[in-house]
N, C-alpha and C. Protein backbone atom coordinates (compact mmCIF):
# COMPACT_ATOMS: atom_id res chain seq x y z
N UNK A 1 6.80 25.69 -8.25
CA UNK A 1 6.03 25.52 -7.05
C UNK A 1 6.35 24.17 -6.41
N UNK A 2 6.54 24.15 -5.13
CA UNK A 2 6.91 22.94 -4.41
C UNK A 2 5.78 21.92 -4.45
N UNK A 3 6.16 20.64 -4.60
CA UNK A 3 5.16 19.58 -4.56
C UNK A 3 4.72 19.35 -3.12
N UNK A 4 3.64 18.62 -2.96
CA UNK A 4 3.18 18.28 -1.61
C UNK A 4 4.25 17.49 -0.87
N UNK A 5 5.03 16.68 -1.59
CA UNK A 5 6.10 15.92 -0.93
C UNK A 5 7.21 16.83 -0.43
N UNK A 6 7.56 17.84 -1.19
CA UNK A 6 8.56 18.81 -0.73
C UNK A 6 8.06 19.54 0.51
N UNK A 7 6.78 19.87 0.53
CA UNK A 7 6.20 20.53 1.70
C UNK A 7 6.24 19.61 2.92
N UNK A 8 6.04 18.31 2.71
CA UNK A 8 6.15 17.34 3.81
C UNK A 8 7.60 17.24 4.28
N UNK A 9 8.53 17.13 3.35
CA UNK A 9 9.95 17.04 3.68
C UNK A 9 10.40 18.26 4.48
N UNK A 10 9.92 19.44 4.07
CA UNK A 10 10.30 20.69 4.74
C UNK A 10 9.57 20.92 6.06
N UNK A 11 8.61 20.05 6.38
CA UNK A 11 7.87 20.19 7.62
C UNK A 11 6.71 21.17 7.55
N UNK A 12 6.39 21.63 6.34
CA UNK A 12 5.26 22.56 6.17
C UNK A 12 3.92 21.84 6.30
N UNK A 13 3.93 20.54 6.03
CA UNK A 13 2.75 19.68 6.17
C UNK A 13 3.17 18.54 7.09
N UNK A 14 2.37 18.24 8.10
CA UNK A 14 2.75 17.15 9.02
C UNK A 14 2.71 15.79 8.33
N UNK A 15 3.52 14.87 8.85
CA UNK A 15 3.54 13.51 8.30
C UNK A 15 3.85 12.52 9.41
N UNK A 16 3.62 11.27 9.10
CA UNK A 16 4.00 10.17 9.98
C UNK A 16 5.37 9.69 9.50
N UNK A 17 6.39 10.42 9.89
CA UNK A 17 7.75 10.19 9.40
C UNK A 17 8.31 8.86 9.92
N UNK A 18 9.01 8.18 9.03
CA UNK A 18 9.69 6.93 9.36
C UNK A 18 11.20 7.17 9.48
N UNK A 19 11.79 7.77 8.45
CA UNK A 19 13.24 7.97 8.43
C UNK A 19 13.59 8.97 7.33
N UNK A 20 14.82 9.48 7.42
CA UNK A 20 15.34 10.31 6.33
C UNK A 20 16.85 10.22 6.33
N UNK A 21 17.41 10.53 5.18
CA UNK A 21 18.84 10.72 5.06
C UNK A 21 19.04 11.98 4.23
N UNK A 22 20.24 12.19 3.77
CA UNK A 22 20.55 13.41 3.03
C UNK A 22 19.69 13.59 1.77
N UNK A 23 19.31 12.47 1.12
CA UNK A 23 18.64 12.56 -0.17
C UNK A 23 17.24 11.97 -0.23
N UNK A 24 16.76 11.36 0.88
CA UNK A 24 15.49 10.65 0.86
C UNK A 24 14.69 10.91 2.13
N UNK A 25 13.39 10.71 2.03
CA UNK A 25 12.49 10.90 3.16
C UNK A 25 11.44 9.80 3.07
N UNK A 26 11.16 9.11 4.17
CA UNK A 26 10.16 8.05 4.19
C UNK A 26 9.08 8.39 5.22
N UNK A 27 7.82 8.19 4.84
CA UNK A 27 6.69 8.49 5.71
C UNK A 27 5.51 7.64 5.29
N UNK A 28 4.58 7.44 6.23
CA UNK A 28 3.38 6.66 5.92
C UNK A 28 2.49 7.41 4.95
N UNK A 29 1.91 6.66 4.02
CA UNK A 29 0.93 7.21 3.09
C UNK A 29 -0.37 7.45 3.86
N UNK A 30 -0.95 8.64 3.73
CA UNK A 30 -2.18 8.94 4.47
C UNK A 30 -3.41 8.33 3.80
N UNK A 31 -3.25 7.77 2.61
CA UNK A 31 -4.30 7.02 1.93
C UNK A 31 -3.78 5.62 1.64
N UNK A 32 -3.51 4.85 2.70
CA UNK A 32 -2.82 3.58 2.51
C UNK A 32 -3.68 2.51 1.84
N UNK A 33 -3.00 1.62 1.13
CA UNK A 33 -3.69 0.46 0.58
C UNK A 33 -3.49 -0.74 1.51
N UNK A 34 -2.69 -0.56 2.56
CA UNK A 34 -2.52 -1.55 3.62
C UNK A 34 -1.90 -0.82 4.81
N UNK A 35 -2.13 -1.34 6.01
CA UNK A 35 -1.48 -0.75 7.18
C UNK A 35 0.03 -0.82 7.01
N UNK A 36 0.69 0.31 7.18
CA UNK A 36 2.13 0.38 7.04
C UNK A 36 2.60 0.81 5.66
N UNK A 37 1.67 1.09 4.74
CA UNK A 37 2.01 1.58 3.40
C UNK A 37 2.86 2.84 3.55
N UNK A 38 4.08 2.76 3.06
CA UNK A 38 5.07 3.81 3.25
C UNK A 38 5.53 4.37 1.91
N UNK A 39 5.76 5.66 1.88
CA UNK A 39 6.32 6.33 0.70
C UNK A 39 7.79 6.65 0.95
N UNK A 40 8.61 6.35 -0.03
CA UNK A 40 10.02 6.74 -0.02
C UNK A 40 10.15 7.78 -1.13
N UNK A 41 10.55 8.98 -0.73
CA UNK A 41 10.56 10.12 -1.65
C UNK A 41 11.98 10.65 -1.78
N UNK A 42 12.37 11.00 -3.00
CA UNK A 42 13.64 11.69 -3.17
C UNK A 42 13.45 13.13 -2.71
N UNK A 43 14.47 13.69 -2.10
CA UNK A 43 14.36 15.09 -1.69
C UNK A 43 14.46 16.02 -2.89
N UNK A 44 15.11 15.57 -3.92
CA UNK A 44 15.18 16.34 -5.16
C UNK A 44 13.87 16.17 -5.91
N UNK A 45 13.24 17.27 -6.27
CA UNK A 45 12.01 17.20 -7.05
C UNK A 45 12.33 16.81 -8.48
N UNK A 46 11.92 15.62 -8.83
CA UNK A 46 12.00 15.11 -10.20
C UNK A 46 10.68 14.43 -10.45
N UNK A 47 10.00 14.81 -11.51
CA UNK A 47 8.66 14.30 -11.78
C UNK A 47 8.67 12.79 -12.00
N UNK A 48 9.49 12.31 -12.92
CA UNK A 48 9.46 10.92 -13.38
C UNK A 48 10.63 10.15 -12.76
N UNK A 49 10.31 9.09 -12.04
CA UNK A 49 11.34 8.32 -11.35
C UNK A 49 12.50 7.95 -12.26
N UNK A 50 12.21 7.57 -13.49
CA UNK A 50 13.25 7.11 -14.39
C UNK A 50 13.99 8.25 -15.10
N UNK A 51 13.69 9.49 -14.72
CA UNK A 51 14.51 10.63 -15.12
C UNK A 51 15.64 10.88 -14.12
N UNK A 52 15.60 10.18 -12.97
CA UNK A 52 16.70 10.28 -12.01
C UNK A 52 17.95 9.67 -12.62
N UNK A 53 19.10 10.13 -12.19
CA UNK A 53 20.36 9.54 -12.63
C UNK A 53 20.46 8.12 -12.08
N UNK A 54 21.24 7.28 -12.74
CA UNK A 54 21.36 5.88 -12.33
C UNK A 54 21.75 5.74 -10.86
N UNK A 55 22.70 6.56 -10.41
CA UNK A 55 23.13 6.45 -9.02
C UNK A 55 22.03 6.92 -8.05
N UNK A 56 21.17 7.83 -8.49
CA UNK A 56 20.05 8.28 -7.65
C UNK A 56 19.01 7.16 -7.52
N UNK A 57 18.76 6.45 -8.61
CA UNK A 57 17.84 5.31 -8.56
C UNK A 57 18.41 4.24 -7.65
N UNK A 58 19.69 3.94 -7.81
CA UNK A 58 20.36 2.95 -6.96
C UNK A 58 20.23 3.34 -5.49
N UNK A 59 20.53 4.58 -5.17
CA UNK A 59 20.50 5.04 -3.79
C UNK A 59 19.07 5.05 -3.23
N UNK A 60 18.10 5.42 -4.06
CA UNK A 60 16.70 5.40 -3.62
C UNK A 60 16.26 3.97 -3.30
N UNK A 61 16.68 3.02 -4.13
CA UNK A 61 16.32 1.63 -3.88
C UNK A 61 17.03 1.09 -2.64
N UNK A 62 18.26 1.48 -2.40
CA UNK A 62 18.96 1.05 -1.19
C UNK A 62 18.27 1.60 0.05
N UNK A 63 17.85 2.85 0.00
CA UNK A 63 17.12 3.44 1.12
C UNK A 63 15.78 2.73 1.29
N UNK A 64 15.08 2.46 0.18
CA UNK A 64 13.79 1.77 0.24
C UNK A 64 13.96 0.37 0.83
N UNK A 65 15.06 -0.31 0.50
CA UNK A 65 15.31 -1.64 1.05
C UNK A 65 15.43 -1.58 2.57
N UNK A 66 16.13 -0.58 3.06
CA UNK A 66 16.28 -0.39 4.51
C UNK A 66 14.91 -0.18 5.16
N UNK A 67 14.06 0.61 4.54
CA UNK A 67 12.73 0.87 5.07
C UNK A 67 11.87 -0.39 5.00
N UNK A 68 11.95 -1.11 3.89
CA UNK A 68 11.18 -2.36 3.74
C UNK A 68 11.57 -3.38 4.79
N UNK A 69 12.85 -3.49 5.09
CA UNK A 69 13.30 -4.40 6.14
C UNK A 69 12.71 -3.99 7.49
N UNK A 70 12.63 -2.67 7.74
CA UNK A 70 12.02 -2.18 8.96
C UNK A 70 10.53 -2.50 9.03
N UNK A 71 9.84 -2.37 7.90
CA UNK A 71 8.42 -2.74 7.82
C UNK A 71 8.26 -4.22 8.13
N UNK A 72 9.10 -5.04 7.50
CA UNK A 72 9.03 -6.49 7.72
C UNK A 72 9.21 -6.85 9.19
N UNK A 73 10.18 -6.24 9.83
CA UNK A 73 10.46 -6.54 11.25
C UNK A 73 9.35 -6.01 12.16
N UNK A 74 8.85 -4.83 11.86
CA UNK A 74 7.87 -4.19 12.74
C UNK A 74 6.47 -4.77 12.59
N UNK A 75 6.08 -5.14 11.38
CA UNK A 75 4.68 -5.50 11.13
C UNK A 75 4.48 -6.96 10.73
N UNK A 76 5.54 -7.68 10.44
CA UNK A 76 5.48 -9.11 10.09
C UNK A 76 4.54 -9.46 8.94
N UNK A 77 4.59 -8.72 7.84
CA UNK A 77 3.79 -9.12 6.67
C UNK A 77 4.44 -10.35 6.03
N UNK A 78 3.75 -10.97 5.07
CA UNK A 78 4.37 -12.06 4.30
C UNK A 78 5.62 -11.54 3.60
N UNK A 79 5.51 -10.33 3.09
CA UNK A 79 6.62 -9.59 2.50
C UNK A 79 6.14 -8.18 2.22
N UNK A 80 7.05 -7.33 1.82
CA UNK A 80 6.70 -5.96 1.46
C UNK A 80 6.84 -5.81 -0.05
N UNK A 81 5.76 -5.38 -0.69
CA UNK A 81 5.76 -5.17 -2.13
C UNK A 81 6.17 -3.75 -2.46
N UNK A 82 6.40 -3.52 -3.74
CA UNK A 82 6.86 -2.21 -4.20
C UNK A 82 6.07 -1.79 -5.44
N UNK A 83 5.71 -0.52 -5.47
CA UNK A 83 5.06 0.08 -6.63
C UNK A 83 5.82 1.36 -6.96
N UNK A 84 6.19 1.51 -8.22
CA UNK A 84 6.76 2.77 -8.70
C UNK A 84 5.86 3.22 -9.85
N UNK A 85 4.81 3.93 -9.49
CA UNK A 85 3.84 4.37 -10.48
C UNK A 85 4.06 5.83 -10.83
N UNK A 86 4.02 6.68 -9.83
CA UNK A 86 4.38 8.07 -10.03
C UNK A 86 3.39 8.94 -10.75
N UNK A 87 2.13 8.57 -10.75
CA UNK A 87 1.15 9.41 -11.44
C UNK A 87 0.40 10.34 -10.50
N UNK A 88 0.40 10.03 -9.19
CA UNK A 88 -0.41 10.80 -8.26
C UNK A 88 0.22 12.14 -7.89
N UNK A 89 1.54 12.16 -7.74
CA UNK A 89 2.26 13.37 -7.36
C UNK A 89 3.48 13.49 -8.30
N UNK A 90 3.70 14.66 -8.88
CA UNK A 90 4.83 14.81 -9.81
C UNK A 90 6.17 14.95 -9.07
N UNK A 91 6.52 13.91 -8.33
CA UNK A 91 7.74 13.92 -7.52
C UNK A 91 8.14 12.45 -7.35
N UNK A 92 9.34 12.09 -7.76
CA UNK A 92 9.80 10.70 -7.75
C UNK A 92 9.60 10.06 -6.39
N UNK A 93 8.95 8.90 -6.38
CA UNK A 93 8.70 8.21 -5.12
C UNK A 93 8.42 6.72 -5.36
N UNK A 94 8.59 5.99 -4.27
CA UNK A 94 8.38 4.54 -4.26
C UNK A 94 7.35 4.23 -3.19
N UNK A 95 6.39 3.37 -3.52
CA UNK A 95 5.42 2.88 -2.54
C UNK A 95 5.91 1.54 -2.01
N UNK A 96 6.01 1.41 -0.70
CA UNK A 96 6.31 0.14 -0.05
C UNK A 96 5.04 -0.32 0.64
N UNK A 97 4.54 -1.50 0.24
CA UNK A 97 3.25 -1.96 0.71
C UNK A 97 3.39 -3.32 1.40
N UNK A 98 3.13 -3.37 2.71
CA UNK A 98 3.15 -4.66 3.39
C UNK A 98 2.02 -5.55 2.86
N UNK A 99 2.37 -6.77 2.54
CA UNK A 99 1.39 -7.74 2.04
C UNK A 99 1.13 -8.76 3.13
N UNK A 100 -0.08 -8.77 3.63
CA UNK A 100 -0.44 -9.61 4.77
C UNK A 100 -1.09 -10.93 4.35
N UNK A 101 -1.64 -10.98 3.14
CA UNK A 101 -2.23 -12.21 2.61
C UNK A 101 -1.82 -12.35 1.15
N UNK A 102 -1.91 -13.56 0.63
CA UNK A 102 -1.54 -13.79 -0.78
C UNK A 102 -2.55 -13.18 -1.74
N UNK A 103 -3.74 -12.91 -1.28
CA UNK A 103 -4.78 -12.37 -2.16
C UNK A 103 -5.06 -10.89 -1.92
N UNK A 104 -4.24 -10.25 -1.11
CA UNK A 104 -4.43 -8.83 -0.81
C UNK A 104 -4.27 -7.99 -2.07
N UNK A 105 -5.22 -7.10 -2.35
CA UNK A 105 -5.06 -6.22 -3.51
C UNK A 105 -3.84 -5.30 -3.34
N UNK A 106 -3.09 -5.15 -4.40
CA UNK A 106 -1.95 -4.23 -4.38
C UNK A 106 -2.11 -3.25 -5.53
N UNK A 107 -3.11 -2.40 -5.37
CA UNK A 107 -3.39 -1.39 -6.39
C UNK A 107 -3.68 -0.07 -5.70
N UNK A 108 -3.04 0.97 -6.17
CA UNK A 108 -3.29 2.28 -5.62
C UNK A 108 -4.76 2.63 -5.85
N UNK A 109 -5.36 3.24 -4.86
CA UNK A 109 -6.78 3.56 -4.94
C UNK A 109 -7.64 2.56 -4.19
N UNK A 110 -7.07 1.41 -3.84
CA UNK A 110 -7.78 0.42 -3.02
C UNK A 110 -7.41 0.69 -1.56
N UNK A 111 -7.94 1.77 -1.01
CA UNK A 111 -7.51 2.25 0.30
C UNK A 111 -8.19 1.52 1.45
N UNK A 112 -7.46 1.47 2.57
CA UNK A 112 -8.01 0.96 3.83
C UNK A 112 -8.04 2.11 4.82
N UNK A 113 -8.95 2.04 5.77
CA UNK A 113 -9.03 3.08 6.80
C UNK A 113 -8.11 2.71 7.96
N UNK A 114 -7.30 3.69 8.37
CA UNK A 114 -6.41 3.51 9.51
C UNK A 114 -6.53 4.76 10.37
N UNK A 115 -6.82 4.58 11.65
CA UNK A 115 -7.00 5.73 12.53
C UNK A 115 -5.69 6.47 12.73
N UNK A 116 -5.78 7.73 13.16
CA UNK A 116 -4.59 8.53 13.43
C UNK A 116 -3.73 7.88 14.51
N UNK A 117 -4.38 7.37 15.55
CA UNK A 117 -3.63 6.71 16.62
C UNK A 117 -2.86 5.50 16.10
N UNK A 118 -3.52 4.72 15.24
CA UNK A 118 -2.85 3.54 14.67
C UNK A 118 -1.72 3.97 13.73
N UNK A 119 -1.92 5.03 12.98
CA UNK A 119 -0.85 5.54 12.10
C UNK A 119 0.37 5.93 12.93
N UNK A 120 0.14 6.62 14.03
CA UNK A 120 1.24 7.01 14.93
C UNK A 120 1.96 5.77 15.45
N UNK A 121 1.19 4.78 15.88
CA UNK A 121 1.75 3.54 16.41
C UNK A 121 2.60 2.82 15.35
N UNK A 122 2.07 2.72 14.14
CA UNK A 122 2.78 2.04 13.05
C UNK A 122 4.06 2.80 12.71
N UNK A 123 3.97 4.11 12.58
CA UNK A 123 5.15 4.92 12.24
C UNK A 123 6.24 4.73 13.28
N UNK A 124 5.87 4.72 14.54
CA UNK A 124 6.85 4.54 15.61
C UNK A 124 7.48 3.15 15.54
N UNK A 125 6.66 2.12 15.33
CA UNK A 125 7.16 0.75 15.27
C UNK A 125 8.17 0.58 14.12
N UNK A 126 7.82 1.10 12.95
CA UNK A 126 8.73 0.96 11.80
C UNK A 126 9.98 1.80 12.03
N UNK A 127 9.80 3.04 12.45
CA UNK A 127 10.92 3.94 12.69
C UNK A 127 11.90 3.34 13.70
N UNK A 128 11.38 2.75 14.76
CA UNK A 128 12.25 2.13 15.76
C UNK A 128 13.12 1.02 15.15
N UNK A 129 12.55 0.25 14.24
CA UNK A 129 13.33 -0.82 13.59
C UNK A 129 14.34 -0.26 12.60
N UNK A 130 13.96 0.77 11.87
CA UNK A 130 14.85 1.35 10.86
C UNK A 130 16.00 2.12 11.49
N UNK A 131 15.72 2.85 12.56
CA UNK A 131 16.69 3.79 13.13
C UNK A 131 17.44 3.26 14.35
N UNK A 132 17.42 1.95 14.55
CA UNK A 132 18.13 1.42 15.73
C UNK A 132 19.59 1.26 15.47
């Protein structure tokens, strides 16, 4: 059965898409821990990130770096943090979290509210920087 991320990648579930390539898809997390919290997902369904082949991990991190640079340019956080937890959805993914203060919590489950309009605005701003 397809994961929720596969359904998002296939367009069966709407998302605030940032970018994609042949093997990866990036979109805003709908339960963000900060404005601009982005998920980088492998298109291949693999439950555990570290079960990916070495070159797949390398390529996922290179794609994530491109997205993080776009977040940095679009939203001007102090920096963008990374979480590879993988317990919420059985599909390899990376969380990119803009850090706006030195004391900002960076823990999944510490969600902030972001309106749909603001999500659209953020997705467009990041996407414009990534895809230029």
